[in-house]
């Protein structure tokens, strides 16, 4: 039995299922960290605790097999790698990345001036998610006066 025709489609499906989350980061880098806090609202960030060390834009590439947990894990991975202590999600944008329209119809000419018929079309949209985040670094406490 030749498995080559089966292996390629299975490999493609696995790659699609694995997702394609892209994290673009611009900012400072520090020693990698292991514990990263996650905030969804700036009001939840303790005041005078962190400084912004950089910005990230995360895109799921419109992968229909991707999920929010996968996106979150990729953000954590990047944040740990660049030494962030916390991440603040600032904006989440969902937009149609592509569309595909299919249609059909049947028309009959009744006479010189009349055409009868019907038609239908369907449009499917592929949505992608883009997340804007700030990577935060903990501000060291001020030395105590003696």
N, C-alpha and C. Protein backbone atom coordinates (compact mmCIF):
# COMPACT_ATOMS: atom_id res chain seq x y z
N UNK A 1 0.84 -1.18 0.00
CA UNK A 1 0.00 0.00 0.00
C UNK A 1 0.88 1.24 0.00
N UNK A 2 0.61 2.17 -0.88
CA UNK A 2 1.38 3.40 -1.00
C UNK A 2 0.77 4.47 -0.10
N UNK A 3 1.53 4.95 0.90
CA UNK A 3 1.02 5.94 1.85
C UNK A 3 1.28 7.38 1.43
N UNK A 4 2.05 7.59 0.37
CA UNK A 4 2.39 8.95 -0.04
C UNK A 4 1.16 9.82 -0.30
N UNK A 5 0.12 9.32 -1.01
CA UNK A 5 -1.04 10.17 -1.25
C UNK A 5 -1.78 10.56 0.04
N UNK A 6 -1.64 9.77 1.09
CA UNK A 6 -2.33 10.04 2.35
C UNK A 6 -1.52 10.98 3.23
N UNK A 7 -0.21 10.87 3.20
CA UNK A 7 0.65 11.64 4.10
C UNK A 7 0.56 13.14 3.85
N UNK A 8 0.58 13.58 2.61
CA UNK A 8 0.56 15.01 2.32
C UNK A 8 -0.72 15.69 2.82
N UNK A 9 -1.92 15.18 2.51
CA UNK A 9 -3.12 15.83 3.04
C UNK A 9 -3.16 15.85 4.58
N UNK A 10 -2.72 14.77 5.20
CA UNK A 10 -2.71 14.72 6.67
C UNK A 10 -1.73 15.76 7.21
N UNK A 11 -0.57 15.89 6.59
CA UNK A 11 0.43 16.88 7.03
C UNK A 11 -0.12 18.30 6.90
N UNK A 12 -0.80 18.58 5.81
CA UNK A 12 -1.38 19.91 5.60
C UNK A 12 -2.43 20.18 6.67
N UNK A 13 -3.29 19.23 6.96
CA UNK A 13 -4.32 19.41 7.99
C UNK A 13 -3.69 19.65 9.36
N UNK A 14 -2.62 18.94 9.68
CA UNK A 14 -1.95 19.14 10.97
C UNK A 14 -1.34 20.53 11.06
N UNK A 15 -0.76 21.01 9.96
CA UNK A 15 -0.19 22.36 9.97
C UNK A 15 -1.28 23.39 10.16
N UNK A 16 -2.43 23.22 9.51
CA UNK A 16 -3.54 24.15 9.68
C UNK A 16 -4.06 24.11 11.11
N UNK A 17 -4.18 22.91 11.66
CA UNK A 17 -4.69 22.78 13.01
C UNK A 17 -3.73 23.38 14.03
N UNK A 18 -2.43 23.31 13.74
CA UNK A 18 -1.44 23.88 14.65
C UNK A 18 -1.53 25.39 14.69
N UNK A 19 -2.08 25.98 13.66
CA UNK A 19 -2.28 27.43 13.65
C UNK A 19 -1.06 28.18 13.19
N UNK A 20 -1.29 29.44 12.97
CA UNK A 20 -0.22 30.30 12.50
C UNK A 20 -0.40 31.64 13.19
N UNK A 21 -0.06 31.70 14.47
CA UNK A 21 -0.16 32.93 15.23
C UNK A 21 1.16 33.67 15.07
N UNK A 22 1.06 34.93 14.65
CA UNK A 22 2.24 35.75 14.43
C UNK A 22 2.29 36.84 15.49
N UNK A 23 3.41 36.92 16.23
CA UNK A 23 3.59 37.94 17.25
C UNK A 23 4.72 38.86 16.80
N UNK A 24 4.37 40.11 16.52
CA UNK A 24 5.38 41.11 16.17
C UNK A 24 5.60 41.99 17.39
N UNK A 25 6.85 42.13 17.80
CA UNK A 25 7.18 42.89 19.00
C UNK A 25 8.21 43.96 18.68
N UNK A 26 7.99 45.14 19.23
CA UNK A 26 8.94 46.24 19.09
C UNK A 26 9.14 46.83 20.48
N UNK A 27 10.38 46.77 20.97
CA UNK A 27 10.63 47.32 22.29
C UNK A 27 11.94 46.80 22.86
N UNK A 28 12.09 47.01 24.16
CA UNK A 28 13.29 46.58 24.87
C UNK A 28 13.22 45.10 25.19
N UNK A 29 14.39 44.52 25.41
CA UNK A 29 14.47 43.12 25.82
C UNK A 29 15.30 43.03 27.09
N UNK A 30 14.91 42.12 27.95
CA UNK A 30 15.60 41.86 29.21
C UNK A 30 15.83 40.36 29.32
N UNK A 31 16.39 39.94 30.43
CA UNK A 31 16.58 38.51 30.67
C UNK A 31 15.20 37.84 30.68
N UNK A 32 15.11 36.63 30.11
CA UNK A 32 13.81 35.94 30.07
C UNK A 32 13.19 35.80 31.47
N UNK A 33 11.88 35.84 31.51
CA UNK A 33 11.14 35.68 32.76
C UNK A 33 10.31 34.41 32.69
N UNK A 34 9.87 33.95 33.86
CA UNK A 34 9.05 32.73 33.87
C UNK A 34 7.61 33.00 34.30
N UNK A 35 7.38 34.09 35.02
CA UNK A 35 6.04 34.40 35.49
C UNK A 35 5.57 35.72 34.87
N UNK A 36 4.51 35.65 34.08
CA UNK A 36 3.97 36.83 33.40
C UNK A 36 2.52 37.03 33.82
N UNK A 37 2.22 38.22 34.35
CA UNK A 37 0.84 38.57 34.70
C UNK A 37 0.11 39.00 33.43
N UNK A 38 -1.20 38.82 33.42
CA UNK A 38 -2.01 39.16 32.25
C UNK A 38 -3.11 40.10 32.69
N UNK A 39 -3.25 41.26 32.02
CA UNK A 39 -4.29 42.23 32.34
C UNK A 39 -5.09 42.55 31.08
N UNK A 40 -6.40 42.69 31.26
CA UNK A 40 -7.28 43.02 30.15
C UNK A 40 -7.80 44.45 30.22
N UNK A 41 -7.53 45.13 31.33
CA UNK A 41 -7.98 46.50 31.51
C UNK A 41 -6.89 47.27 32.25
N UNK A 42 -6.58 48.46 31.77
CA UNK A 42 -5.52 49.26 32.39
C UNK A 42 -5.85 49.61 33.85
N UNK A 43 -7.14 49.64 34.19
CA UNK A 43 -7.53 49.93 35.58
C UNK A 43 -7.11 48.82 36.54
N UNK A 44 -6.87 47.63 36.01
CA UNK A 44 -6.48 46.51 36.86
C UNK A 44 -4.98 46.47 37.13
N UNK A 45 -4.20 47.23 36.37
CA UNK A 45 -2.75 47.25 36.55
C UNK A 45 -2.43 48.10 37.79
N UNK A 46 -1.73 47.52 38.76
CA UNK A 46 -1.40 48.30 39.97
C UNK A 46 -0.60 49.56 39.60
N UNK A 47 -1.00 50.72 40.13
CA UNK A 47 -0.30 51.97 39.78
C UNK A 47 1.15 51.97 40.27
N UNK A 48 1.99 52.61 39.49
CA UNK A 48 3.41 52.78 39.82
C UNK A 48 4.14 51.45 40.02
N UNK A 49 3.69 50.41 39.35
CA UNK A 49 4.30 49.09 39.49
C UNK A 49 5.08 48.69 38.25
N UNK A 50 4.60 49.10 37.08
CA UNK A 50 5.20 48.69 35.82
C UNK A 50 5.51 49.89 34.93
N UNK A 51 6.44 49.66 34.00
CA UNK A 51 6.67 50.61 32.91
C UNK A 51 6.49 49.84 31.61
N UNK A 52 6.09 50.54 30.57
CA UNK A 52 5.94 49.91 29.25
C UNK A 52 7.32 49.69 28.67
N UNK A 53 7.61 48.44 28.34
CA UNK A 53 8.91 48.11 27.75
C UNK A 53 8.82 47.90 26.24
N UNK A 54 7.58 47.73 25.73
CA UNK A 54 7.41 47.53 24.30
C UNK A 54 5.97 47.26 23.95
N UNK A 55 5.73 47.17 22.65
CA UNK A 55 4.38 46.93 22.12
C UNK A 55 4.40 45.68 21.24
N UNK A 56 3.29 44.97 21.25
CA UNK A 56 3.16 43.78 20.42
C UNK A 56 1.85 43.82 19.65
N UNK A 57 1.90 43.29 18.43
CA UNK A 57 0.70 43.09 17.63
C UNK A 57 0.67 41.60 17.31
N UNK A 58 -0.43 40.97 17.64
CA UNK A 58 -0.58 39.53 17.47
C UNK A 58 -1.69 39.28 16.47
N UNK A 59 -1.42 38.43 15.49
CA UNK A 59 -2.38 38.14 14.43
C UNK A 59 -2.52 36.64 14.29
N UNK A 60 -3.77 36.16 14.26
CA UNK A 60 -3.98 34.71 14.12
C UNK A 60 -4.03 34.25 12.67
N UNK A 61 -3.83 35.16 11.72
CA UNK A 61 -3.76 34.79 10.31
C UNK A 61 -5.07 34.31 9.73
N UNK A 62 -6.18 34.51 10.44
CA UNK A 62 -7.47 34.05 9.92
C UNK A 62 -7.62 32.55 9.95
N UNK A 63 -6.85 31.88 10.79
CA UNK A 63 -6.91 30.43 10.87
C UNK A 63 -8.21 29.97 11.52
N UNK A 64 -9.07 29.26 10.79
CA UNK A 64 -10.34 28.82 11.36
C UNK A 64 -10.17 27.78 12.46
N UNK A 65 -8.97 27.16 12.57
CA UNK A 65 -8.73 26.16 13.59
C UNK A 65 -8.09 26.77 14.84
N UNK A 66 -7.70 28.04 14.77
CA UNK A 66 -7.07 28.69 15.91
C UNK A 66 -8.08 29.00 17.00
N UNK A 67 -7.57 29.24 18.19
CA UNK A 67 -8.46 29.61 19.29
C UNK A 67 -7.78 30.63 20.19
N UNK A 68 -8.56 31.22 21.09
CA UNK A 68 -8.04 32.27 21.96
C UNK A 68 -6.94 31.76 22.88
N UNK A 69 -7.06 30.51 23.34
CA UNK A 69 -6.03 29.96 24.23
C UNK A 69 -4.69 29.86 23.51
N UNK A 70 -4.71 29.48 22.25
CA UNK A 70 -3.48 29.39 21.46
C UNK A 70 -2.85 30.78 21.30
N UNK A 71 -3.66 31.78 21.05
CA UNK A 71 -3.16 33.15 20.91
C UNK A 71 -2.54 33.60 22.23
N UNK A 72 -3.25 33.35 23.31
CA UNK A 72 -2.75 33.73 24.64
C UNK A 72 -1.41 33.05 24.95
N UNK A 73 -1.28 31.78 24.60
CA UNK A 73 -0.03 31.05 24.85
C UNK A 73 1.13 31.65 24.05
N UNK A 74 0.85 32.07 22.82
CA UNK A 74 1.91 32.68 22.00
C UNK A 74 2.32 34.04 22.56
N UNK A 75 1.35 34.79 23.11
CA UNK A 75 1.68 36.07 23.74
C UNK A 75 2.56 35.81 24.97
N UNK A 76 2.17 34.85 25.81
CA UNK A 76 2.98 34.49 26.98
C UNK A 76 4.40 34.09 26.57
N UNK A 77 4.49 33.28 25.54
CA UNK A 77 5.79 32.79 25.08
C UNK A 77 6.70 33.96 24.69
N UNK A 78 6.15 34.90 23.90
CA UNK A 78 6.94 36.05 23.47
C UNK A 78 7.28 36.95 24.67
N UNK A 79 6.31 37.17 25.55
CA UNK A 79 6.54 38.02 26.72
C UNK A 79 7.64 37.45 27.61
N UNK A 80 7.61 36.15 27.86
CA UNK A 80 8.68 35.52 28.66
C UNK A 80 10.03 35.66 27.97
N UNK A 81 10.04 35.47 26.66
CA UNK A 81 11.31 35.51 25.91
C UNK A 81 11.98 36.89 25.96
N UNK A 82 11.18 37.96 25.96
CA UNK A 82 11.77 39.31 25.96
C UNK A 82 11.88 39.89 27.37
N UNK A 83 11.50 39.10 28.39
CA UNK A 83 11.69 39.52 29.77
C UNK A 83 10.57 40.36 30.35
N UNK A 84 9.37 40.27 29.81
CA UNK A 84 8.24 41.04 30.35
C UNK A 84 7.76 40.41 31.65
N UNK A 85 7.27 41.25 32.56
CA UNK A 85 6.67 40.78 33.80
C UNK A 85 5.15 40.76 33.72
N UNK A 86 4.60 41.52 32.76
CA UNK A 86 3.15 41.57 32.61
C UNK A 86 2.81 41.96 31.17
N UNK A 87 1.58 41.65 30.78
CA UNK A 87 1.05 42.01 29.47
C UNK A 87 -0.30 42.69 29.69
N UNK A 88 -0.48 43.82 29.03
CA UNK A 88 -1.76 44.53 29.06
C UNK A 88 -2.37 44.46 27.67
N UNK A 89 -3.52 43.79 27.54
CA UNK A 89 -4.23 43.74 26.27
C UNK A 89 -4.94 45.08 26.11
N UNK A 90 -4.63 45.79 25.04
CA UNK A 90 -5.19 47.12 24.83
C UNK A 90 -6.35 47.14 23.84
N UNK A 91 -6.27 46.28 22.83
CA UNK A 91 -7.31 46.32 21.79
C UNK A 91 -7.37 44.96 21.11
N UNK A 92 -8.59 44.52 20.81
CA UNK A 92 -8.81 43.29 20.04
C UNK A 92 -9.67 43.67 18.84
N UNK A 93 -9.17 43.38 17.66
CA UNK A 93 -9.88 43.71 16.43
C UNK A 93 -10.16 42.41 15.68
N UNK A 94 -11.42 42.22 15.29
CA UNK A 94 -11.79 41.08 14.45
C UNK A 94 -12.29 41.65 13.14
N UNK A 95 -11.73 41.16 12.04
CA UNK A 95 -12.15 41.68 10.74
C UNK A 95 -12.16 40.55 9.71
N UNK A 96 -12.93 40.79 8.66
CA UNK A 96 -12.99 39.82 7.57
C UNK A 96 -11.67 39.87 6.82
N UNK A 97 -10.97 38.76 6.80
CA UNK A 97 -9.68 38.69 6.12
C UNK A 97 -9.84 38.32 4.66
N UNK A 98 -10.84 37.52 4.37
CA UNK A 98 -11.09 37.11 2.99
C UNK A 98 -12.53 36.66 2.87
N UNK A 99 -12.98 36.55 1.65
CA UNK A 99 -14.33 36.06 1.42
C UNK A 99 -14.35 35.21 0.16
N UNK A 100 -15.35 34.36 0.09
CA UNK A 100 -15.52 33.49 -1.06
C UNK A 100 -17.01 33.47 -1.39
N UNK A 101 -17.35 33.83 -2.61
CA UNK A 101 -18.76 33.87 -3.03
C UNK A 101 -19.01 32.81 -4.08
N UNK A 102 -20.05 32.04 -3.85
CA UNK A 102 -20.48 31.02 -4.81
C UNK A 102 -21.93 31.32 -5.17
N UNK A 103 -22.27 31.11 -6.43
CA UNK A 103 -23.64 31.36 -6.86
C UNK A 103 -24.05 30.45 -8.00
N UNK A 104 -25.34 30.41 -8.22
CA UNK A 104 -25.88 29.65 -9.34
C UNK A 104 -27.19 30.29 -9.76
N UNK A 105 -27.65 29.92 -10.90
CA UNK A 105 -28.92 30.45 -11.37
C UNK A 105 -29.39 29.71 -12.60
N UNK A 106 -30.66 29.86 -12.88
CA UNK A 106 -31.24 29.28 -14.08
C UNK A 106 -32.19 30.31 -14.67
N UNK A 107 -32.01 30.61 -15.92
CA UNK A 107 -32.82 31.63 -16.58
C UNK A 107 -33.32 31.10 -17.91
N UNK A 108 -34.54 31.43 -18.22
CA UNK A 108 -35.17 31.01 -19.47
C UNK A 108 -35.75 32.23 -20.17
N UNK A 109 -35.53 32.29 -21.45
CA UNK A 109 -36.11 33.37 -22.23
C UNK A 109 -37.52 32.94 -22.64
N UNK A 110 -38.50 33.73 -22.17
CA UNK A 110 -39.90 33.42 -22.46
C UNK A 110 -40.27 33.96 -23.83
N UNK A 111 -39.97 35.19 -24.07
CA UNK A 111 -40.17 35.79 -25.38
C UNK A 111 -39.10 36.85 -25.58
N UNK A 112 -39.29 37.67 -26.60
CA UNK A 112 -38.27 38.65 -26.96
C UNK A 112 -37.93 39.60 -25.82
N UNK A 113 -38.89 39.97 -24.98
CA UNK A 113 -38.68 40.97 -23.93
C UNK A 113 -38.71 40.41 -22.51
N UNK A 114 -38.88 39.11 -22.33
CA UNK A 114 -39.08 38.55 -20.99
C UNK A 114 -38.09 37.40 -20.73
N UNK A 115 -37.47 37.51 -19.56
CA UNK A 115 -36.61 36.43 -19.08
C UNK A 115 -37.09 36.07 -17.68
N UNK A 116 -37.29 34.79 -17.44
CA UNK A 116 -37.69 34.32 -16.12
C UNK A 116 -36.58 33.45 -15.55
N UNK A 117 -36.51 33.41 -14.25
CA UNK A 117 -35.50 32.55 -13.65
C UNK A 117 -35.31 32.83 -12.18
N UNK A 118 -34.32 32.19 -11.64
CA UNK A 118 -33.99 32.37 -10.24
C UNK A 118 -32.48 32.25 -10.09
N UNK A 119 -32.02 32.70 -8.96
CA UNK A 119 -30.59 32.61 -8.67
C UNK A 119 -30.35 32.68 -7.18
N UNK A 120 -29.17 32.32 -6.78
CA UNK A 120 -28.80 32.34 -5.37
C UNK A 120 -27.28 32.48 -5.28
N UNK A 121 -26.84 33.18 -4.26
CA UNK A 121 -25.40 33.24 -4.02
C UNK A 121 -25.15 33.21 -2.52
N UNK A 122 -24.02 32.70 -2.15
CA UNK A 122 -23.61 32.60 -0.75
C UNK A 122 -22.21 33.15 -0.63
N UNK A 123 -21.99 33.98 0.39
CA UNK A 123 -20.66 34.51 0.66
C UNK A 123 -20.21 34.02 2.02
N UNK A 124 -19.04 33.42 2.07
CA UNK A 124 -18.43 32.97 3.32
C UNK A 124 -17.25 33.87 3.63
N UNK A 125 -17.16 34.32 4.87
CA UNK A 125 -16.06 35.18 5.29
C UNK A 125 -15.12 34.42 6.20
N UNK A 126 -13.83 34.70 6.04
CA UNK A 126 -12.81 34.16 6.93
C UNK A 126 -12.33 35.33 7.78
N UNK A 127 -12.52 35.24 9.09
CA UNK A 127 -12.18 36.33 9.98
C UNK A 127 -10.82 36.11 10.62
N UNK A 128 -10.10 37.21 10.82
CA UNK A 128 -8.84 37.13 11.55
C UNK A 128 -8.91 38.04 12.76
N UNK A 129 -8.16 37.67 13.78
CA UNK A 129 -8.14 38.42 15.02
C UNK A 129 -6.77 39.08 15.15
N UNK A 130 -6.79 40.36 15.51
CA UNK A 130 -5.54 41.11 15.73
C UNK A 130 -5.62 41.70 17.14
N UNK A 131 -4.59 41.44 17.93
CA UNK A 131 -4.55 41.89 19.31
C UNK A 131 -3.38 42.84 19.49
N UNK A 132 -3.64 43.99 20.09
CA UNK A 132 -2.60 44.97 20.40
C UNK A 132 -2.35 44.91 21.90
N UNK A 133 -1.08 44.77 22.28
CA UNK A 133 -0.75 44.62 23.69
C UNK A 133 0.50 45.42 24.04
N UNK A 134 0.56 45.84 25.31
CA UNK A 134 1.77 46.44 25.86
C UNK A 134 2.46 45.39 26.72
N UNK A 135 3.77 45.25 26.55
CA UNK A 135 4.55 44.40 27.42
C UNK A 135 5.11 45.30 28.52
N UNK A 136 4.96 44.85 29.76
CA UNK A 136 5.31 45.67 30.91
C UNK A 136 6.46 45.06 31.70
N UNK A 137 7.31 45.93 32.23
CA UNK A 137 8.43 45.52 33.09
C UNK A 137 8.20 46.12 34.47
N UNK A 138 8.38 45.31 35.49
CA UNK A 138 8.19 45.76 36.87
C UNK A 138 9.24 46.83 37.21
N UNK A 139 8.79 47.92 37.83
CA UNK A 139 9.69 48.98 38.27
C UNK A 139 10.27 48.54 39.62
N UNK A 140 11.59 48.54 39.74
CA UNK A 140 12.16 48.13 41.04
C UNK A 140 11.74 49.13 42.11
N UNK A 141 11.51 48.63 43.33
CA UNK A 141 11.11 49.56 44.40
C UNK A 141 12.24 50.56 44.70
N UNK A 142 11.81 51.77 45.07
CA UNK A 142 12.79 52.80 45.41
C UNK A 142 13.52 52.39 46.69
N UNK A 143 14.83 52.70 46.76
CA UNK A 143 15.56 52.36 47.99
C UNK A 143 14.99 53.13 49.18
N UNK A 144 14.94 52.46 50.31
CA UNK A 144 14.41 53.09 51.52
C UNK A 144 15.45 54.02 52.11
N UNK A 145 14.97 55.15 52.59
CA UNK A 145 15.89 56.11 53.21
C UNK A 145 16.29 55.60 54.58
N UNK A 146 17.56 55.88 54.92
CA UNK A 146 18.06 55.44 56.24
C UNK A 146 18.10 56.56 57.21
